[in-house]
Amino acid sequence: MQQKMGAKQETIVCQVCDKVIETIDSCEGVKTLYGVCKDCSQ
Protein backbone atom coordinates (compact mmCIF):
# COMPACT_ATOMS: atom_id res chain seq x y z
CA MET A 1 0.00 0.00 0.00
CA GLN A 2 1.43 3.34 -1.03
CA GLN A 3 0.58 6.64 0.54
CA LYS A 4 1.25 10.04 -0.99
CA MET A 5 3.92 11.96 0.83
CA GLY A 6 2.43 15.05 2.43
CA ALA A 7 -1.16 13.94 1.82
CA LYS A 8 -3.24 14.41 4.93
CA GLN A 9 -6.66 12.96 5.55
CA GLU A 10 -9.76 13.76 7.48
CA THR A 11 -11.74 10.72 8.63
CA ILE A 12 -15.49 10.89 9.22
CA VAL A 13 -16.59 8.34 11.85
CA CYS A 14 -20.11 7.44 12.97
CA GLN A 15 -20.51 8.55 16.58
CA VAL A 16 -23.07 5.78 17.22
CA CYS A 17 -21.39 2.62 15.84
CA ASP A 18 -17.79 3.86 15.23
CA LYS A 19 -17.94 2.83 11.55
CA VAL A 20 -15.70 4.87 9.20
CA ILE A 21 -18.09 6.74 6.91
CA GLU A 22 -15.55 8.40 4.61
CA THR A 23 -11.97 9.62 4.32
CA ILE A 24 -11.21 12.93 2.62
CA ASP A 25 -7.88 14.32 1.44
CA SER A 26 -7.30 17.63 3.19
CA CYS A 27 -4.62 20.27 3.37
CA GLU A 28 -5.65 21.22 6.94
CA GLY A 29 -3.99 18.29 8.69
CA VAL A 30 -5.17 14.97 10.04
CA LYS A 31 -8.56 15.26 11.76
CA THR A 32 -11.32 12.95 12.92
CA LEU A 33 -14.83 14.29 12.38
CA TYR A 34 -17.94 12.68 13.82
CA GLY A 35 -21.34 12.24 12.19
CA VAL A 36 -24.03 9.57 11.92
CA CYS A 37 -24.01 6.91 9.19
CA LYS A 38 -27.09 6.05 7.11
CA ASP A 39 -27.75 2.84 9.05
CA CYS A 40 -27.80 4.59 12.44
CA SER A 41 -29.81 7.59 11.25
CA GLN A 42 -32.89 5.47 10.52
PDB file of N, CA and C in Angstrom:
ATOM      1  N   MET A   1       0.844  -1.183   0.000  1.00  0.00           N
ATOM      2  CA  MET A   1       0.000   0.000   0.000  1.00  0.00           C
ATOM      3  C   MET A   1       0.886   1.241   0.000  1.00  0.00           C
ATOM      4  N   GLN A   2       0.655   2.108  -0.951  1.00  0.00           N
ATOM      5  CA  GLN A   2       1.429   3.341  -1.032  1.00  0.00           C
ATOM      6  C   GLN A   2       0.584   4.502  -0.552  1.00  0.00           C
ATOM      7  N   GLN A   3       1.262   5.441   0.079  1.00  0.00           N
ATOM      8  CA  GLN A   3       0.577   6.642   0.544  1.00  0.00           C
ATOM      9  C   GLN A   3       1.337   7.833  -0.003  1.00  0.00           C
ATOM     10  N   LYS A   4       0.619   8.835  -0.467  1.00  0.00           N
ATOM     11  CA  LYS A   4       1.248  10.038  -0.990  1.00  0.00           C
ATOM     12  C   LYS A   4       1.986  10.759   0.126  1.00  0.00           C
ATOM     13  N   MET A   5       3.174  11.187  -0.161  1.00  0.00           N
ATOM     14  CA  MET A   5       3.919  11.958   0.835  1.00  0.00           C
ATOM     15  C   MET A   5       3.276  13.325   0.974  1.00  0.00           C
ATOM     16  N   GLY A   6       3.019  13.739   2.177  1.00  0.00           N
ATOM     17  CA  GLY A   6       2.433  15.047   2.426  1.00  0.00           C
ATOM     18  C   GLY A   6       0.924  15.079   2.324  1.00  0.00           C
ATOM     19  N   ALA A   7       0.301  13.974   1.896  1.00  0.00           N
ATOM     20  CA  ALA A   7      -1.158  13.935   1.818  1.00  0.00           C
ATOM     21  C   ALA A   7      -1.715  13.704   3.208  1.00  0.00           C
ATOM     22  N   LYS A   8      -2.637  14.524   3.609  1.00  0.00           N
ATOM     23  CA  LYS A   8      -3.241  14.406   4.933  1.00  0.00           C
ATOM     24  C   LYS A   8      -4.714  14.101   4.751  1.00  0.00           C
ATOM     25  N   GLN A   9      -5.280  13.382   5.691  1.00  0.00           N
ATOM     26  CA  GLN A   9      -6.663  12.959   5.547  1.00  0.00           C
ATOM     27  C   GLN A   9      -7.503  13.326   6.757  1.00  0.00           C
ATOM     28  N   GLU A  10      -8.746  13.632   6.451  1.00  0.00           N
ATOM     29  CA  GLU A  10      -9.764  13.761   7.483  1.00  0.00           C
ATOM     30  C   GLU A  10     -10.580  12.489   7.428  1.00  0.00           C
ATOM     31  N   THR A  11     -10.937  11.940   8.563  1.00  0.00           N
ATOM     32  CA  THR A  11     -11.740  10.724   8.634  1.00  0.00           C
ATOM     33  C   THR A  11     -13.061  11.071   9.291  1.00  0.00           C
ATOM     34  N   ILE A  12     -14.158  10.672   8.647  1.00  0.00           N
ATOM     35  CA  ILE A  12     -15.491  10.886   9.220  1.00  0.00           C
ATOM     36  C   ILE A  12     -15.945   9.555   9.803  1.00  0.00           C
ATOM     37  N   VAL A  13     -16.238   9.552  11.116  1.00  0.00           N
ATOM     38  CA  VAL A  13     -16.592   8.340  11.846  1.00  0.00           C
ATOM     39  C   VAL A  13     -17.991   8.500  12.422  1.00  0.00           C
ATOM     40  N   CYS A  14     -18.775   7.420  12.367  1.00  0.00           N
ATOM     41  CA  CYS A  14     -20.110   7.440  12.975  1.00  0.00           C
ATOM     42  C   CYS A  14     -19.964   7.470  14.485  1.00  0.00           C
ATOM     43  N   GLN A  15     -20.618   8.424  15.127  1.00  0.00           N
ATOM     44  CA  GLN A  15     -20.511   8.549  16.582  1.00  0.00           C
ATOM     45  C   GLN A  15     -21.367   7.525  17.311  1.00  0.00           C
ATOM     46  N   VAL A  16     -22.225   6.794  16.593  1.00  0.00           N
ATOM     47  CA  VAL A  16     -23.074   5.783  17.219  1.00  0.00           C
ATOM     48  C   VAL A  16     -22.400   4.402  17.179  1.00  0.00           C
ATOM     49  N   CYS A  17     -21.926   3.981  15.985  1.00  0.00           N
ATOM     50  CA  CYS A  17     -21.392   2.621  15.836  1.00  0.00           C
ATOM     51  C   CYS A  17     -19.892   2.588  15.559  1.00  0.00           C
ATOM     52  N   ASP A  18     -19.235   3.734  15.469  1.00  0.00           N
ATOM     53  CA  ASP A  18     -17.786   3.856  15.227  1.00  0.00           C
ATOM     54  C   ASP A  18     -17.348   3.359  13.855  1.00  0.00           C
ATOM     55  N   LYS A  19     -18.268   3.237  12.911  1.00  0.00           N
ATOM     56  CA  LYS A  19     -17.939   2.833  11.550  1.00  0.00           C
ATOM     57  C   LYS A  19     -17.342   4.026  10.809  1.00  0.00           C
ATOM     58  N   VAL A  20     -16.288   3.796  10.004  1.00  0.00           N
ATOM     59  CA  VAL A  20     -15.703   4.865   9.200  1.00  0.00           C
ATOM     60  C   VAL A  20     -16.646   5.137   8.041  1.00  0.00           C
ATOM     61  N   ILE A  21     -17.148   6.369   7.951  1.00  0.00           N
ATOM     62  CA  ILE A  21     -18.093   6.740   6.908  1.00  0.00           C
ATOM     63  C   ILE A  21     -17.343   7.123   5.636  1.00  0.00           C
ATOM     64  N   GLU A  22     -16.287   7.930   5.775  1.00  0.00           N
ATOM     65  CA  GLU A  22     -15.554   8.405   4.609  1.00  0.00           C
ATOM     66  C   GLU A  22     -14.204   8.967   5.036  1.00  0.00           C
ATOM     67  N   THR A  23     -13.237   8.930   4.116  1.00  0.00           N
ATOM     68  CA  THR A  23     -11.969   9.615   4.322  1.00  0.00           C
ATOM     69  C   THR A  23     -11.810  10.634   3.211  1.00  0.00           C
ATOM     70  N   ILE A  24     -11.303  11.801   3.546  1.00  0.00           N
ATOM     71  CA  ILE A  24     -11.206  12.928   2.619  1.00  0.00           C
ATOM     72  C   ILE A  24      -9.791  13.472   2.663  1.00  0.00           C
ATOM     73  N   ASP A  25      -9.182  13.660   1.490  1.00  0.00           N
ATOM     74  CA  ASP A  25      -7.878  14.317   1.442  1.00  0.00           C
ATOM     75  C   ASP A  25      -8.060  15.778   1.826  1.00  0.00           C
ATOM     76  N   SER A  26      -7.173  16.271   2.676  1.00  0.00           N
ATOM     77  CA  SER A  26      -7.300  17.628   3.188  1.00  0.00           C
ATOM     78  C   SER A  26      -5.927  18.260   3.325  1.00  0.00           C
ATOM     79  N   CYS A  27      -5.873  19.557   3.172  1.00  0.00           N
ATOM     80  CA  CYS A  27      -4.617  20.271   3.371  1.00  0.00           C
ATOM     81  C   CYS A  27      -4.553  20.871   4.781  1.00  0.00           C
ATOM     82  N   GLU A  28      -5.574  20.630   5.605  1.00  0.00           N
ATOM     83  CA  GLU A  28      -5.652  21.224   6.943  1.00  0.00           C
ATOM     84  C   GLU A  28      -5.073  20.336   8.037  1.00  0.00           C
ATOM     85  N   GLY A  29      -4.540  19.184   7.679  1.00  0.00           N
ATOM     86  CA  GLY A  29      -3.995  18.287   8.692  1.00  0.00           C
ATOM     87  C   GLY A  29      -4.881  17.077   8.894  1.00  0.00           C
ATOM     88  N   VAL A  30      -4.440  16.190   9.765  1.00  0.00           N
ATOM     89  CA  VAL A  30      -5.174  14.966  10.040  1.00  0.00           C
ATOM     90  C   VAL A  30      -6.203  15.258  11.128  1.00  0.00           C
ATOM     91  N   LYS A  31      -7.469  14.995  10.816  1.00  0.00           N
ATOM     92  CA  LYS A  31      -8.557  15.262  11.762  1.00  0.00           C
ATOM     93  C   LYS A  31      -9.529  14.096  11.750  1.00  0.00           C
ATOM     94  N   THR A  32     -10.218  13.899  12.841  1.00  0.00           N
ATOM     95  CA  THR A  32     -11.322  12.947  12.921  1.00  0.00           C
ATOM     96  C   THR A  32     -12.589  13.746  13.171  1.00  0.00           C
ATOM     97  N   LEU A  33     -13.541  13.601  12.264  1.00  0.00           N
ATOM     98  CA  LEU A  33     -14.826  14.288  12.382  1.00  0.00           C
ATOM     99  C   LEU A  33     -15.881  13.238  12.703  1.00  0.00           C
ATOM    100  N   TYR A  34     -16.907  13.627  13.423  1.00  0.00           N
ATOM    101  CA  TYR A  34     -17.939  12.681  13.818  1.00  0.00           C
ATOM    102  C   TYR A  34     -19.272  13.072  13.207  1.00  0.00           C
ATOM    103  N   GLY A  35     -20.014  12.067  12.759  1.00  0.00           N
ATOM    104  CA  GLY A  35     -21.340  12.241  12.191  1.00  0.00           C
ATOM    105  C   GLY A  35     -22.151  11.002  12.515  1.00  0.00           C
ATOM    106  N   VAL A  36     -23.215  10.760  11.743  1.00  0.00           N
ATOM    107  CA  VAL A  36     -24.035   9.573  11.917  1.00  0.00           C
ATOM    108  C   VAL A  36     -24.192   8.915  10.548  1.00  0.00           C
ATOM    109  N   CYS A  37     -23.912   7.611  10.467  1.00  0.00           N
ATOM    110  CA  CYS A  37     -24.012   6.907   9.195  1.00  0.00           C
ATOM    111  C   CYS A  37     -25.482   6.676   8.827  1.00  0.00           C
ATOM    112  N   LYS A  38     -25.718   6.262   7.592  1.00  0.00           N
ATOM    113  CA  LYS A  38     -27.086   6.048   7.111  1.00  0.00           C
ATOM    114  C   LYS A  38     -27.821   4.986   7.910  1.00  0.00           C
ATOM    115  N   ASP A  39     -27.104   3.924   8.299  1.00  0.00           N
ATOM    116  CA  ASP A  39     -27.751   2.843   9.048  1.00  0.00           C
ATOM    117  C   ASP A  39     -28.239   3.311  10.417  1.00  0.00           C
ATOM    118  N   CYS A  40     -27.440   4.118  11.099  1.00  0.00           N
ATOM    119  CA  CYS A  40     -27.802   4.585  12.441  1.00  0.00           C
ATOM    120  C   CYS A  40     -28.792   5.749  12.420  1.00  0.00           C
ATOM    121  N   SER A  41     -28.920   6.432  11.309  1.00  0.00           N
ATOM    122  CA  SER A  41     -29.806   7.588  11.249  1.00  0.00           C
ATOM    123  C   SER A  41     -31.271   7.190  11.028  1.00  0.00           C
ATOM    124  N   GLN A  42     -31.521   5.926  10.777  1.00  0.00           N
ATOM    125  CA  GLN A  42     -32.891   5.473  10.520  1.00  0.00           C
ATOM    126  C   GLN A  42     -33.579   4.991  11.766  1.00  0.00           C
TER     127      GLN A  42
END
